[in-house]
């Protein structure tokens, strides 16, 4: 987030007397080469593995 000073004489009435403008900028890649999807799939696989290992341990305890 950034704050910029406004020159009210140049901007006219659109800013209604405010001397600062707050700007919020979100950047997102248009194409990441599949890295985001691969990361999500890896996390899901790791979760399934952890759940399977927990289930295996619980089975051995019973």
PDB file of N, CA and C in Angstrom:
ATOM      1  N   UNK A   1       0.853  -1.165   0.000  1.00  0.00           N
ATOM      2  CA  UNK A   1       0.000   0.000   0.000  1.00  0.00           C
ATOM      3  C   UNK A   1       0.894   1.221   0.000  1.00  0.00           C
ATOM      4  N   UNK A   2       0.516   2.223  -0.769  1.00  0.00           N
ATOM      5  CA  UNK A   2       1.312   3.441  -0.815  1.00  0.00           C
ATOM      6  C   UNK A   2       0.412   4.662  -0.659  1.00  0.00           C
ATOM      7  N   UNK A   3       1.000   5.751  -0.225  1.00  0.00           N
ATOM      8  CA  UNK A   3       0.288   7.018  -0.078  1.00  0.00           C
ATOM      9  C   UNK A   3       1.026   8.044  -0.924  1.00  0.00           C
ATOM     10  N   UNK A   4       0.282   8.763  -1.737  1.00  0.00           N
ATOM     11  CA  UNK A   4       0.875   9.777  -2.607  1.00  0.00           C
ATOM     12  C   UNK A   4       0.226  11.129  -2.344  1.00  0.00           C
ATOM     13  N   UNK A   5       1.009  12.181  -2.439  1.00  0.00           N
ATOM     14  CA  UNK A   5       0.491  13.533  -2.269  1.00  0.00           C
ATOM     15  C   UNK A   5      -0.183  13.963  -3.571  1.00  0.00           C
ATOM     16  N   UNK A   6      -1.286  14.676  -3.448  1.00  0.00           N
ATOM     17  CA  UNK A   6      -2.061  15.117  -4.596  1.00  0.00           C
ATOM     18  C   UNK A   6      -1.930  16.629  -4.746  1.00  0.00           C
ATOM     19  N   UNK A   7      -1.710  17.070  -5.966  1.00  0.00           N
ATOM     20  CA  UNK A   7      -1.720  18.505  -6.264  1.00  0.00           C
ATOM     21  C   UNK A   7      -3.162  18.855  -6.636  1.00  0.00           C
ATOM     22  N   UNK A   8      -3.909  19.395  -5.670  1.00  0.00           N
ATOM     23  CA  UNK A   8      -5.339  19.638  -5.841  1.00  0.00           C
ATOM     24  C   UNK A   8      -5.639  20.567  -7.009  1.00  0.00           C
ATOM     25  N   UNK A   9      -4.746  21.479  -7.320  1.00  0.00           N
ATOM     26  CA  UNK A   9      -4.984  22.408  -8.431  1.00  0.00           C
ATOM     27  C   UNK A   9      -5.030  21.656  -9.762  1.00  0.00           C
ATOM     28  N   UNK A  10      -4.229  20.612  -9.902  1.00  0.00           N
ATOM     29  CA  UNK A  10      -4.187  19.855 -11.153  1.00  0.00           C
ATOM     30  C   UNK A  10      -5.279  18.804 -11.249  1.00  0.00           C
ATOM     31  N   UNK A  11      -5.751  18.327 -10.111  1.00  0.00           N
ATOM     32  CA  UNK A  11      -6.695  17.218 -10.123  1.00  0.00           C
ATOM     33  C   UNK A  11      -8.148  17.663 -10.179  1.00  0.00           C
ATOM     34  N   UNK A  12      -8.428  18.857  -9.821  1.00  0.00           N
ATOM     35  CA  UNK A  12      -9.796  19.339  -9.868  1.00  0.00           C
ATOM     36  C   UNK A  12     -10.605  18.899  -8.663  1.00  0.00           C
ATOM     37  N   UNK A  13     -11.895  18.718  -8.839  1.00  0.00           N
ATOM     38  CA  UNK A  13     -12.800  18.422  -7.723  1.00  0.00           C
ATOM     39  C   UNK A  13     -12.948  16.933  -7.450  1.00  0.00           C
ATOM     40  N   UNK A  14     -12.286  16.112  -8.204  1.00  0.00           N
ATOM     41  CA  UNK A  14     -12.481  14.666  -8.037  1.00  0.00           C
ATOM     42  C   UNK A  14     -12.047  14.178  -6.661  1.00  0.00           C
ATOM     43  N   UNK A  15     -11.031  14.812  -6.049  1.00  0.00           N
ATOM     44  CA  UNK A  15     -10.541  14.380  -4.749  1.00  0.00           C
ATOM     45  C   UNK A  15     -11.228  15.075  -3.586  1.00  0.00           C
ATOM     46  N   UNK A  16     -12.088  16.009  -3.847  1.00  0.00           N
ATOM     47  CA  UNK A  16     -12.911  16.698  -2.842  1.00  0.00           C
ATOM     48  C   UNK A  16     -12.089  17.245  -1.679  1.00  0.00           C
ATOM     49  N   UNK A  17     -10.932  17.827  -1.966  1.00  0.00           N
ATOM     50  CA  UNK A  17     -10.132  18.469  -0.937  1.00  0.00           C
ATOM     51  C   UNK A  17      -9.130  17.579  -0.242  1.00  0.00           C
ATOM     52  N   UNK A  18      -9.150  16.276  -0.514  1.00  0.00           N
ATOM     53  CA  UNK A  18      -8.153  15.396   0.099  1.00  0.00           C
ATOM     54  C   UNK A  18      -6.783  15.692  -0.496  1.00  0.00           C
ATOM     55  N   UNK A  19      -5.755  15.666   0.341  1.00  0.00           N
ATOM     56  CA  UNK A  19      -4.402  15.942  -0.129  1.00  0.00           C
ATOM     57  C   UNK A  19      -3.575  14.676  -0.319  1.00  0.00           C
ATOM     58  N   UNK A  20      -4.162  13.525  -0.039  1.00  0.00           N
ATOM     59  CA  UNK A  20      -3.435  12.266  -0.202  1.00  0.00           C
ATOM     60  C   UNK A  20      -4.335  11.228  -0.860  1.00  0.00           C
ATOM     61  N   UNK A  21      -3.711  10.376  -1.618  1.00  0.00           N
ATOM     62  CA  UNK A  21      -4.428   9.276  -2.263  1.00  0.00           C
ATOM     63  C   UNK A  21      -3.804   7.983  -1.755  1.00  0.00           C
ATOM     64  N   UNK A  22      -4.620   7.053  -1.313  1.00  0.00           N
ATOM     65  CA  UNK A  22      -4.137   5.747  -0.887  1.00  0.00           C
ATOM     66  C   UNK A  22      -4.340   4.786  -2.052  1.00  0.00           C
ATOM     67  N   UNK A  23      -3.284   4.061  -2.379  1.00  0.00           N
ATOM     68  CA  UNK A  23      -3.323   3.146  -3.504  1.00  0.00           C
ATOM     69  C   UNK A  23      -3.016   1.742  -3.009  1.00  0.00           C
ATOM     70  N   UNK A  24      -3.858   0.796  -3.356  1.00  0.00           N
ATOM     71  CA  UNK A  24      -3.629  -0.596  -3.022  1.00  0.00           C
ATOM     72  C   UNK A  24      -3.386  -1.337  -4.326  1.00  0.00           C
ATOM     73  N   UNK A  25      -2.251  -2.005  -4.412  1.00  0.00           N
ATOM     74  CA  UNK A  25      -1.865  -2.699  -5.633  1.00  0.00           C
ATOM     75  C   UNK A  25      -1.627  -4.170  -5.313  1.00  0.00           C
ATOM     76  N   UNK A  26      -2.291  -5.035  -6.033  1.00  0.00           N
ATOM     77  CA  UNK A  26      -2.098  -6.474  -5.873  1.00  0.00           C
ATOM     78  C   UNK A  26      -1.461  -6.995  -7.155  1.00  0.00           C
ATOM     79  N   UNK A  27      -0.353  -7.708  -7.013  1.00  0.00           N
ATOM     80  CA  UNK A  27       0.319  -8.263  -8.175  1.00  0.00           C
ATOM     81  C   UNK A  27       0.161  -9.769  -8.182  1.00  0.00           C
ATOM     82  N   UNK A  28      -0.187 -10.288  -9.331  1.00  0.00           N
ATOM     83  CA  UNK A  28      -0.384 -11.714  -9.486  1.00  0.00           C
ATOM     84  C   UNK A  28       0.221 -12.119 -10.823  1.00  0.00           C
ATOM     85  N   UNK A  29       0.982 -13.189 -10.847  1.00  0.00           N
ATOM     86  CA  UNK A  29       1.565 -13.592 -12.118  1.00  0.00           C
ATOM     87  C   UNK A  29       0.498 -14.087 -13.095  1.00  0.00           C
ATOM     88  N   UNK A  30       0.668 -13.757 -14.357  1.00  0.00           N
ATOM     89  CA  UNK A  30      -0.258 -14.245 -15.366  1.00  0.00           C
ATOM     90  C   UNK A  30      -0.022 -15.723 -15.640  1.00  0.00           C
ATOM     91  N   UNK A  31       1.239 -16.120 -15.613  1.00  0.00           N
ATOM     92  CA  UNK A  31       1.594 -17.513 -15.871  1.00  0.00           C
ATOM     93  C   UNK A  31       2.798 -17.862 -15.023  1.00  0.00           C
ATOM     94  N   UNK A  32       2.721 -18.944 -14.303  1.00  0.00           N
ATOM     95  CA  UNK A  32       3.822 -19.324 -13.409  1.00  0.00           C
ATOM     96  C   UNK A  32       4.466 -20.638 -13.813  1.00  0.00           C
ATOM     97  N   UNK A  33       4.152 -21.118 -14.994  1.00  0.00           N
ATOM     98  CA  UNK A  33       4.754 -22.365 -15.453  1.00  0.00           C
ATOM     99  C   UNK A  33       4.270 -23.588 -14.692  1.00  0.00           C
ATOM    100  N   UNK A  34       3.114 -23.503 -14.061  1.00  0.00           N
ATOM    101  CA  UNK A  34       2.558 -24.639 -13.326  1.00  0.00           C
ATOM    102  C   UNK A  34       3.070 -24.782 -11.915  1.00  0.00           C
ATOM    103  N   UNK A  35       3.914 -23.842 -11.461  1.00  0.00           N
ATOM    104  CA  UNK A  35       4.496 -23.961 -10.125  1.00  0.00           C
ATOM    105  C   UNK A  35       3.438 -23.877  -9.029  1.00  0.00           C
ATOM    106  N   UNK A  36       2.445 -23.036  -9.206  1.00  0.00           N
ATOM    107  CA  UNK A  36       1.416 -22.888  -8.164  1.00  0.00           C
ATOM    108  C   UNK A  36       0.610 -24.181  -8.054  1.00  0.00           C
ATOM    109  N   UNK A  37       0.168 -24.710  -9.181  1.00  0.00           N
ATOM    110  CA  UNK A  37      -0.610 -25.956  -9.181  1.00  0.00           C
ATOM    111  C   UNK A  37       0.228 -27.104  -8.640  1.00  0.00           C
ATOM    112  N   UNK A  38       1.498 -27.177  -9.034  1.00  0.00           N
ATOM    113  CA  UNK A  38       2.380 -28.237  -8.550  1.00  0.00           C
ATOM    114  C   UNK A  38       2.565 -28.131  -7.039  1.00  0.00           C
ATOM    115  N   UNK A  39       2.703 -26.916  -6.526  1.00  0.00           N
ATOM    116  CA  UNK A  39       2.847 -26.726  -5.090  1.00  0.00           C
ATOM    117  C   UNK A  39       1.612 -27.168  -4.326  1.00  0.00           C
ATOM    118  N   UNK A  40       0.445 -26.860  -4.866  1.00  0.00           N
ATOM    119  CA  UNK A  40      -0.818 -27.276  -4.229  1.00  0.00           C
ATOM    120  C   UNK A  40      -0.926 -28.795  -4.234  1.00  0.00           C
ATOM    121  N   UNK A  41      -0.613 -29.419  -5.376  1.00  0.00           N
ATOM    122  CA  UNK A  41      -0.696 -30.876  -5.471  1.00  0.00           C
ATOM    123  C   UNK A  41       0.301 -31.552  -4.530  1.00  0.00           C
ATOM    124  N   UNK A  42       1.495 -30.989  -4.404  1.00  0.00           N
ATOM    125  CA  UNK A  42       2.490 -31.556  -3.492  1.00  0.00           C
ATOM    126  C   UNK A  42       2.000 -31.466  -2.052  1.00  0.00           C
ATOM    127  N   UNK A  43       1.412 -30.332  -1.680  1.00  0.00           N
ATOM    128  CA  UNK A  43       0.890 -30.170  -0.318  1.00  0.00           C
ATOM    129  C   UNK A  43      -0.234 -31.156  -0.039  1.00  0.00           C
ATOM    130  N   UNK A  44      -1.105 -31.352  -1.016  1.00  0.00           N
ATOM    131  CA  UNK A  44      -2.205 -32.305  -0.840  1.00  0.00           C
ATOM    132  C   UNK A  44      -1.676 -33.729  -0.708  1.00  0.00           C
ATOM    133  N   UNK A  45      -0.650 -34.068  -1.486  1.00  0.00           N
ATOM    134  CA  UNK A  45      -0.038 -35.403  -1.391  1.00  0.00           C
ATOM    135  C   UNK A  45       0.618 -35.603  -0.036  1.00  0.00           C
ATOM    136  N   UNK A  46       1.331 -34.578   0.448  1.00  0.00           N
ATOM    137  CA  UNK A  46       1.961 -34.672   1.765  1.00  0.00           C
ATOM    138  C   UNK A  46       0.923 -34.852   2.867  1.00  0.00           C
ATOM    139  N   UNK A  47      -0.215 -34.187   2.724  1.00  0.00           N
ATOM    140  CA  UNK A  47      -1.283 -34.337   3.708  1.00  0.00           C
ATOM    141  C   UNK A  47      -1.836 -35.758   3.687  1.00  0.00           C
ATOM    142  N   UNK A  48      -2.089 -36.291   2.479  1.00  0.00           N
ATOM    143  CA  UNK A  48      -2.598 -37.666   2.381  1.00  0.00           C
ATOM    144  C   UNK A  48      -1.600 -38.663   2.976  1.00  0.00           C
ATOM    145  N   UNK A  49      -0.311 -38.460   2.722  1.00  0.00           N
ATOM    146  CA  UNK A  49       0.724 -39.331   3.278  1.00  0.00           C
ATOM    147  C   UNK A  49       0.722 -39.277   4.805  1.00  0.00           C
ATOM    148  N   UNK A  50       0.655 -38.075   5.368  1.00  0.00           N
ATOM    149  CA  UNK A  50       0.646 -37.924   6.825  1.00  0.00           C
ATOM    150  C   UNK A  50      -0.583 -38.590   7.433  1.00  0.00           C
ATOM    151  N   UNK A  51      -1.737 -38.454   6.783  1.00  0.00           N
ATOM    152  CA  UNK A  51      -2.956 -39.097   7.290  1.00  0.00           C
ATOM    153  C   UNK A  51      -2.844 -40.613   7.219  1.00  0.00           C
ATOM    154  N   UNK A  52      -2.257 -41.128   6.136  1.00  0.00           N
ATOM    155  CA  UNK A  52      -2.083 -42.576   5.997  1.00  0.00           C
ATOM    156  C   UNK A  52      -1.114 -43.103   7.045  1.00  0.00           C
ATOM    157  N   UNK A  53      -0.029 -42.393   7.310  1.00  0.00           N
ATOM    158  CA  UNK A  53       0.935 -42.826   8.324  1.00  0.00           C
ATOM    159  C   UNK A  53       0.307 -42.816   9.717  1.00  0.00           C
ATOM    160  N   UNK A  54      -0.507 -41.807   9.986  1.00  0.00           N
ATOM    161  CA  UNK A  54      -1.199 -41.737  11.279  1.00  0.00           C
ATOM    162  C   UNK A  54      -2.166 -42.896  11.422  1.00  0.00           C
ATOM    163  N   UNK A  55      -2.896 -43.203  10.355  1.00  0.00           N
ATOM    164  CA  UNK A  55      -3.844 -44.314  10.389  1.00  0.00           C
ATOM    165  C   UNK A  55      -3.101 -45.640  10.589  1.00  0.00           C
ATOM    166  N   UNK A  56      -1.944 -45.791   9.943  1.00  0.00           N
ATOM    167  CA  UNK A  56      -1.148 -47.010  10.093  1.00  0.00           C
ATOM    168  C   UNK A  56      -0.670 -47.167  11.534  1.00  0.00           C
ATOM    169  N   UNK A  57      -0.189 -46.078  12.155  1.00  0.00           N
ATOM    170  CA  UNK A  57       0.252 -46.120  13.547  1.00  0.00           C
ATOM    171  C   UNK A  57      -0.904 -46.481  14.475  1.00  0.00           C
ATOM    172  N   UNK A  58      -2.052 -45.873  14.220  1.00  0.00           N
ATOM    173  CA  UNK A  58      -3.218 -46.175  15.055  1.00  0.00           C
ATOM    174  C   UNK A  58      -3.634 -47.634  14.917  1.00  0.00           C
ATOM    175  N   UNK A  59      -3.520 -48.197  13.727  1.00  0.00           N
ATOM    176  CA  UNK A  59      -3.881 -49.592  13.490  1.00  0.00           C
ATOM    177  C   UNK A  59      -2.943 -50.523  14.257  1.00  0.00           C
ATOM    178  N   UNK A  60      -1.642 -50.190  14.263  1.00  0.00           N
ATOM    179  CA  UNK A  60      -0.664 -51.019  14.973  1.00  0.00           C
ATOM    180  C   UNK A  60      -0.880 -50.970  16.482  1.00  0.00           C
ATOM    181  N   UNK A  61      -1.391 -49.858  16.994  1.00  0.00           N
ATOM    182  CA  UNK A  61      -1.616 -49.717  18.434  1.00  0.00           C
ATOM    183  C   UNK A  61      -2.800 -50.536  18.908  1.00  0.00           C
ATOM    184  N   UNK A  62      -3.737 -50.788  18.034  1.00  0.00           N
ATOM    185  CA  UNK A  62      -4.959 -51.525  18.419  1.00  0.00           C
ATOM    186  C   UNK A  62      -4.752 -52.960  18.228  1.00  0.00           C
TER     187      UNK A  62
END
